[in-house]
Amino acid sequence: VNGSPQEAIVINVTYEYNRQENKITPKPRTINERSEALAKATYEWARAMYKDMFS
């Protein structure tokens, strides 16, 4: 995350379960292009998480 201008990158990880192997595998997805829109979305997500936890 850059502070000025405020920009962010995103790493999302989902997981897949393989029943035959009884194994959980991470499936990362990276958006490595810095963006003001991603920074804004990250702050909005964090505000919502804090509100859920502390309200």
PDB file of N, CA and C in Angstrom:
ATOM      1  N   VAL A   1       0.848  -1.179   0.000  1.00  0.00           N
ATOM      2  CA  VAL A   1       0.000   0.000   0.000  1.00  0.00           C
ATOM      3  C   VAL A   1       0.884   1.230   0.000  1.00  0.00           C
ATOM      4  N   ASN A   2       0.580   2.143  -0.892  1.00  0.00           N
ATOM      5  CA  ASN A   2       1.244   3.447  -0.886  1.00  0.00           C
ATOM      6  C   ASN A   2       0.422   4.384  -0.023  1.00  0.00           C
ATOM      7  N   GLY A   3       1.092   5.316   0.653  1.00  0.00           N
ATOM      8  CA  GLY A   3       0.386   6.289   1.471  1.00  0.00           C
ATOM      9  C   GLY A   3      -0.027   7.523   0.695  1.00  0.00           C
ATOM     10  N   SER A   4       0.803   7.930  -0.266  1.00  0.00           N
ATOM     11  CA  SER A   4       0.482   9.131  -1.020  1.00  0.00           C
ATOM     12  C   SER A   4       1.035   8.984  -2.433  1.00  0.00           C
ATOM     13  N   PRO A   5       0.236   8.797  -3.448  1.00  0.00           N
ATOM     14  CA  PRO A   5      -1.214   8.655  -3.369  1.00  0.00           C
ATOM     15  C   PRO A   5      -1.589   7.312  -2.746  1.00  0.00           C
ATOM     16  N   GLN A   6      -2.779   7.233  -2.174  1.00  0.00           N
ATOM     17  CA  GLN A   6      -3.203   5.985  -1.561  1.00  0.00           C
ATOM     18  C   GLN A   6      -3.523   4.977  -2.655  1.00  0.00           C
ATOM     19  N   GLU A   7      -2.717   3.932  -2.705  1.00  0.00           N
ATOM     20  CA  GLU A   7      -2.894   2.866  -3.690  1.00  0.00           C
ATOM     21  C   GLU A   7      -2.674   1.533  -2.990  1.00  0.00           C
ATOM     22  N   ALA A   8      -3.256   0.483  -3.545  1.00  0.00           N
ATOM     23  CA  ALA A   8      -3.116  -0.832  -2.932  1.00  0.00           C
ATOM     24  C   ALA A   8      -3.027  -1.911  -4.002  1.00  0.00           C
ATOM     25  N   ILE A   9      -2.529  -3.070  -3.593  1.00  0.00           N
ATOM     26  CA  ILE A   9      -2.596  -4.283  -4.392  1.00  0.00           C
ATOM     27  C   ILE A   9      -3.461  -5.262  -3.604  1.00  0.00           C
ATOM     28  N   VAL A  10      -3.885  -6.335  -4.244  1.00  0.00           N
ATOM     29  CA  VAL A  10      -4.753  -7.292  -3.572  1.00  0.00           C
ATOM     30  C   VAL A  10      -4.235  -8.704  -3.795  1.00  0.00           C
ATOM     31  N   ILE A  11      -4.279  -9.495  -2.731  1.00  0.00           N
ATOM     32  CA  ILE A  11      -4.023 -10.927  -2.833  1.00  0.00           C
ATOM     33  C   ILE A  11      -5.216 -11.622  -2.194  1.00  0.00           C
ATOM     34  N   ASN A  12      -5.991 -12.321  -3.006  1.00  0.00           N
ATOM     35  CA  ASN A  12      -7.126 -13.105  -2.513  1.00  0.00           C
ATOM     36  C   ASN A  12      -6.740 -14.569  -2.564  1.00  0.00           C
ATOM     37  N   VAL A  13      -7.067 -15.293  -1.517  1.00  0.00           N
ATOM     38  CA  VAL A  13      -6.780 -16.721  -1.501  1.00  0.00           C
ATOM     39  C   VAL A  13      -8.070 -17.463  -1.184  1.00  0.00           C
ATOM     40  N   THR A  14      -8.412 -18.389  -2.055  1.00  0.00           N
ATOM     41  CA  THR A  14      -9.497 -19.319  -1.774  1.00  0.00           C
ATOM     42  C   THR A  14      -8.858 -20.693  -1.628  1.00  0.00           C
ATOM     43  N   TYR A  15      -9.615 -21.631  -1.118  1.00  0.00           N
ATOM     44  CA  TYR A  15      -9.071 -22.964  -0.870  1.00  0.00           C
ATOM     45  C   TYR A  15      -9.968 -24.005  -1.509  1.00  0.00           C
ATOM     46  N   GLU A  16      -9.330 -25.048  -2.006  1.00  0.00           N
ATOM     47  CA  GLU A  16     -10.052 -26.133  -2.648  1.00  0.00           C
ATOM     48  C   GLU A  16      -9.767 -27.421  -1.885  1.00  0.00           C
ATOM     49  N   TYR A  17     -10.824 -28.181  -1.605  1.00  0.00           N
ATOM     50  CA  TYR A  17     -10.666 -29.445  -0.884  1.00  0.00           C
ATOM     51  C   TYR A  17     -10.757 -30.601  -1.862  1.00  0.00           C
ATOM     52  N   ASN A  18      -9.755 -31.481  -1.835  1.00  0.00           N
ATOM     53  CA  ASN A  18      -9.729 -32.680  -2.660  1.00  0.00           C
ATOM     54  C   ASN A  18     -10.062 -33.864  -1.753  1.00  0.00           C
ATOM     55  N   ARG A  19     -11.266 -34.416  -1.914  1.00  0.00           N
ATOM     56  CA  ARG A  19     -11.701 -35.525  -1.050  1.00  0.00           C
ATOM     57  C   ARG A  19     -10.844 -36.776  -1.234  1.00  0.00           C
ATOM     58  N   GLN A  20     -10.468 -37.074  -2.465  1.00  0.00           N
ATOM     59  CA  GLN A  20      -9.696 -38.288  -2.724  1.00  0.00           C
ATOM     60  C   GLN A  20      -8.357 -38.263  -1.999  1.00  0.00           C
ATOM     61  N   GLU A  21      -7.710 -37.106  -1.965  1.00  0.00           N
ATOM     62  CA  GLU A  21      -6.407 -36.978  -1.313  1.00  0.00           C
ATOM     63  C   GLU A  21      -6.521 -36.452   0.110  1.00  0.00           C
ATOM     64  N   ASN A  22      -7.753 -36.065   0.527  1.00  0.00           N
ATOM     65  CA  ASN A  22      -7.981 -35.465   1.843  1.00  0.00           C
ATOM     66  C   ASN A  22      -7.016 -34.296   2.055  1.00  0.00           C
ATOM     67  N   LYS A  23      -6.993 -33.407   1.058  1.00  0.00           N
ATOM     68  CA  LYS A  23      -6.019 -32.321   1.046  1.00  0.00           C
ATOM     69  C   LYS A  23      -6.694 -30.998   0.696  1.00  0.00           C
ATOM     70  N   ILE A  24      -6.284 -29.938   1.387  1.00  0.00           N
ATOM     71  CA  ILE A  24      -6.752 -28.587   1.095  1.00  0.00           C
ATOM     72  C   ILE A  24      -5.624 -27.852   0.380  1.00  0.00           C
ATOM     73  N   THR A  25      -5.958 -27.252  -0.768  1.00  0.00           N
ATOM     74  CA  THR A  25      -4.962 -26.567  -1.582  1.00  0.00           C
ATOM     75  C   THR A  25      -5.325 -25.089  -1.726  1.00  0.00           C
ATOM     76  N   PRO A  26      -4.374 -24.181  -1.450  1.00  0.00           N
ATOM     77  CA  PRO A  26      -4.658 -22.757  -1.654  1.00  0.00           C
ATOM     78  C   PRO A  26      -4.665 -22.404  -3.137  1.00  0.00           C
ATOM     79  N   LYS A  27      -5.545 -21.476  -3.491  1.00  0.00           N
ATOM     80  CA  LYS A  27      -5.639 -20.978  -4.864  1.00  0.00           C
ATOM     81  C   LYS A  27      -5.510 -19.454  -4.820  1.00  0.00           C
ATOM     82  N   PRO A  28      -4.273 -18.935  -4.776  1.00  0.00           N
ATOM     83  CA  PRO A  28      -4.103 -17.474  -4.683  1.00  0.00           C
ATOM     84  C   PRO A  28      -4.403 -16.768  -6.002  1.00  0.00           C
ATOM     85  N   ARG A  29      -4.947 -15.564  -5.887  1.00  0.00           N
ATOM     86  CA  ARG A  29      -5.183 -14.688  -7.042  1.00  0.00           C
ATOM     87  C   ARG A  29      -4.635 -13.320  -6.671  1.00  0.00           C
ATOM     88  N   THR A  30      -3.712 -12.813  -7.459  1.00  0.00           N
ATOM     89  CA  THR A  30      -3.048 -11.554  -7.151  1.00  0.00           C
ATOM     90  C   THR A  30      -3.408 -10.488  -8.178  1.00  0.00           C
ATOM     91  N   ILE A  31      -3.766  -9.308  -7.678  1.00  0.00           N
ATOM     92  CA  ILE A  31      -3.918  -8.126  -8.529  1.00  0.00           C
ATOM     93  C   ILE A  31      -2.751  -7.227  -8.146  1.00  0.00           C
ATOM     94  N   ASN A  32      -1.710  -7.225  -8.966  1.00  0.00           N
ATOM     95  CA  ASN A  32      -0.454  -6.573  -8.603  1.00  0.00           C
ATOM     96  C   ASN A  32      -0.300  -5.193  -9.241  1.00  0.00           C
ATOM     97  N   GLU A  33      -1.398  -4.630  -9.729  1.00  0.00           N
ATOM     98  CA  GLU A  33      -1.349  -3.281 -10.288  1.00  0.00           C
ATOM     99  C   GLU A  33      -1.900  -2.329  -9.242  1.00  0.00           C
ATOM    100  N   ARG A  34      -1.064  -1.430  -8.742  1.00  0.00           N
ATOM    101  CA  ARG A  34      -1.500  -0.502  -7.695  1.00  0.00           C
ATOM    102  C   ARG A  34      -2.632   0.373  -8.206  1.00  0.00           C
ATOM    103  N   SER A  35      -3.613   0.575  -7.320  1.00  0.00           N
ATOM    104  CA  SER A  35      -4.802   1.297  -7.750  1.00  0.00           C
ATOM    105  C   SER A  35      -5.427   2.051  -6.587  1.00  0.00           C
ATOM    106  N   GLU A  36      -5.884   3.268  -6.855  1.00  0.00           N
ATOM    107  CA  GLU A  36      -6.599   4.041  -5.838  1.00  0.00           C
ATOM    108  C   GLU A  36      -7.930   3.380  -5.514  1.00  0.00           C
ATOM    109  N   ALA A  37      -8.577   2.780  -6.508  1.00  0.00           N
ATOM    110  CA  ALA A  37      -9.864   2.112  -6.275  1.00  0.00           C
ATOM    111  C   ALA A  37      -9.699   0.938  -5.314  1.00  0.00           C
ATOM    112  N   LEU A  38      -8.603   0.183  -5.462  1.00  0.00           N
ATOM    113  CA  LEU A  38      -8.359  -0.927  -4.541  1.00  0.00           C
ATOM    114  C   LEU A  38      -8.070  -0.419  -3.132  1.00  0.00           C
ATOM    115  N   ALA A  39      -7.359   0.689  -3.020  1.00  0.00           N
ATOM    116  CA  ALA A  39      -7.092   1.268  -1.699  1.00  0.00           C
ATOM    117  C   ALA A  39      -8.404   1.671  -1.041  1.00  0.00           C
ATOM    118  N   LYS A  40      -9.279   2.320  -1.787  1.00  0.00           N
ATOM    119  CA  LYS A  40     -10.576   2.739  -1.245  1.00  0.00           C
ATOM    120  C   LYS A  40     -11.385   1.517  -0.812  1.00  0.00           C
ATOM    121  N   ALA A  41     -11.427   0.495  -1.643  1.00  0.00           N
ATOM    122  CA  ALA A  41     -12.174  -0.722  -1.311  1.00  0.00           C
ATOM    123  C   ALA A  41     -11.600  -1.407  -0.076  1.00  0.00           C
ATOM    124  N   THR A  42     -10.276  -1.380   0.077  1.00  0.00           N
ATOM    125  CA  THR A  42      -9.632  -1.982   1.242  1.00  0.00           C
ATOM    126  C   THR A  42     -10.028  -1.255   2.519  1.00  0.00           C
ATOM    127  N   TYR A  43     -10.023   0.070   2.484  1.00  0.00           N
ATOM    128  CA  TYR A  43     -10.437   0.846   3.663  1.00  0.00           C
ATOM    129  C   TYR A  43     -11.909   0.604   3.990  1.00  0.00           C
ATOM    130  N   GLU A  44     -12.759   0.530   2.972  1.00  0.00           N
ATOM    131  CA  GLU A  44     -14.183   0.275   3.213  1.00  0.00           C
ATOM    132  C   GLU A  44     -14.382  -1.102   3.830  1.00  0.00           C
ATOM    133  N   TRP A  45     -13.652  -2.099   3.341  1.00  0.00           N
ATOM    134  CA  TRP A  45     -13.726  -3.449   3.895  1.00  0.00           C
ATOM    135  C   TRP A  45     -13.289  -3.435   5.362  1.00  0.00           C
ATOM    136  N   ALA A  46     -12.164  -2.761   5.650  1.00  0.00           N
ATOM    137  CA  ALA A  46     -11.661  -2.711   7.027  1.00  0.00           C
ATOM    138  C   ALA A  46     -12.663  -2.014   7.949  1.00  0.00           C
ATOM    139  N   ARG A  47     -13.246  -0.909   7.495  1.00  0.00           N
ATOM    140  CA  ARG A  47     -14.248  -0.210   8.323  1.00  0.00           C
ATOM    141  C   ARG A  47     -15.416  -1.134   8.653  1.00  0.00           C
ATOM    142  N   ALA A  48     -15.875  -1.894   7.669  1.00  0.00           N
ATOM    143  CA  ALA A  48     -16.985  -2.821   7.888  1.00  0.00           C
ATOM    144  C   ALA A  48     -16.600  -3.916   8.878  1.00  0.00           C
ATOM    145  N   MET A  49     -15.369  -4.424   8.778  1.00  0.00           N
ATOM    146  CA  MET A  49     -14.914  -5.459   9.712  1.00  0.00           C
ATOM    147  C   MET A  49     -14.847  -4.916  11.137  1.00  0.00           C
ATOM    148  N   TYR A  50     -14.276  -3.722  11.303  1.00  0.00           N
ATOM    149  CA  TYR A  50     -14.185  -3.114  12.636  1.00  0.00           C
ATOM    150  C   TYR A  50     -15.568  -2.834  13.200  1.00  0.00           C
ATOM    151  N   LYS A  51     -16.484  -2.385  12.349  1.00  0.00           N
ATOM    152  CA  LYS A  51     -17.849  -2.110  12.810  1.00  0.00           C
ATOM    153  C   LYS A  51     -18.505  -3.404  13.293  1.00  0.00           C
ATOM    154  N   ASP A  52     -18.344  -4.485  12.525  1.00  0.00           N
ATOM    155  CA  ASP A  52     -18.907  -5.776  12.930  1.00  0.00           C
ATOM    156  C   ASP A  52     -18.309  -6.265  14.247  1.00  0.00           C
ATOM    157  N   MET A  53     -17.013  -6.078  14.422  1.00  0.00           N
ATOM    158  CA  MET A  53     -16.341  -6.592  15.620  1.00  0.00           C
ATOM    159  C   MET A  53     -16.604  -5.753  16.862  1.00  0.00           C
ATOM    160  N   PHE A  54     -16.708  -4.439  16.708  1.00  0.00           N
ATOM    161  CA  PHE A  54     -16.722  -3.561  17.878  1.00  0.00           C
ATOM    162  C   PHE A  54     -18.025  -2.793  18.088  1.00  0.00           C
ATOM    163  N   SER A  55     -19.054  -3.078  17.304  1.00  0.00           N
ATOM    164  CA  SER A  55     -20.331  -2.369  17.492  1.00  0.00           C
ATOM    165  C   SER A  55     -21.329  -3.238  18.224  1.00  0.00           C
TER     166      SER A  55
END
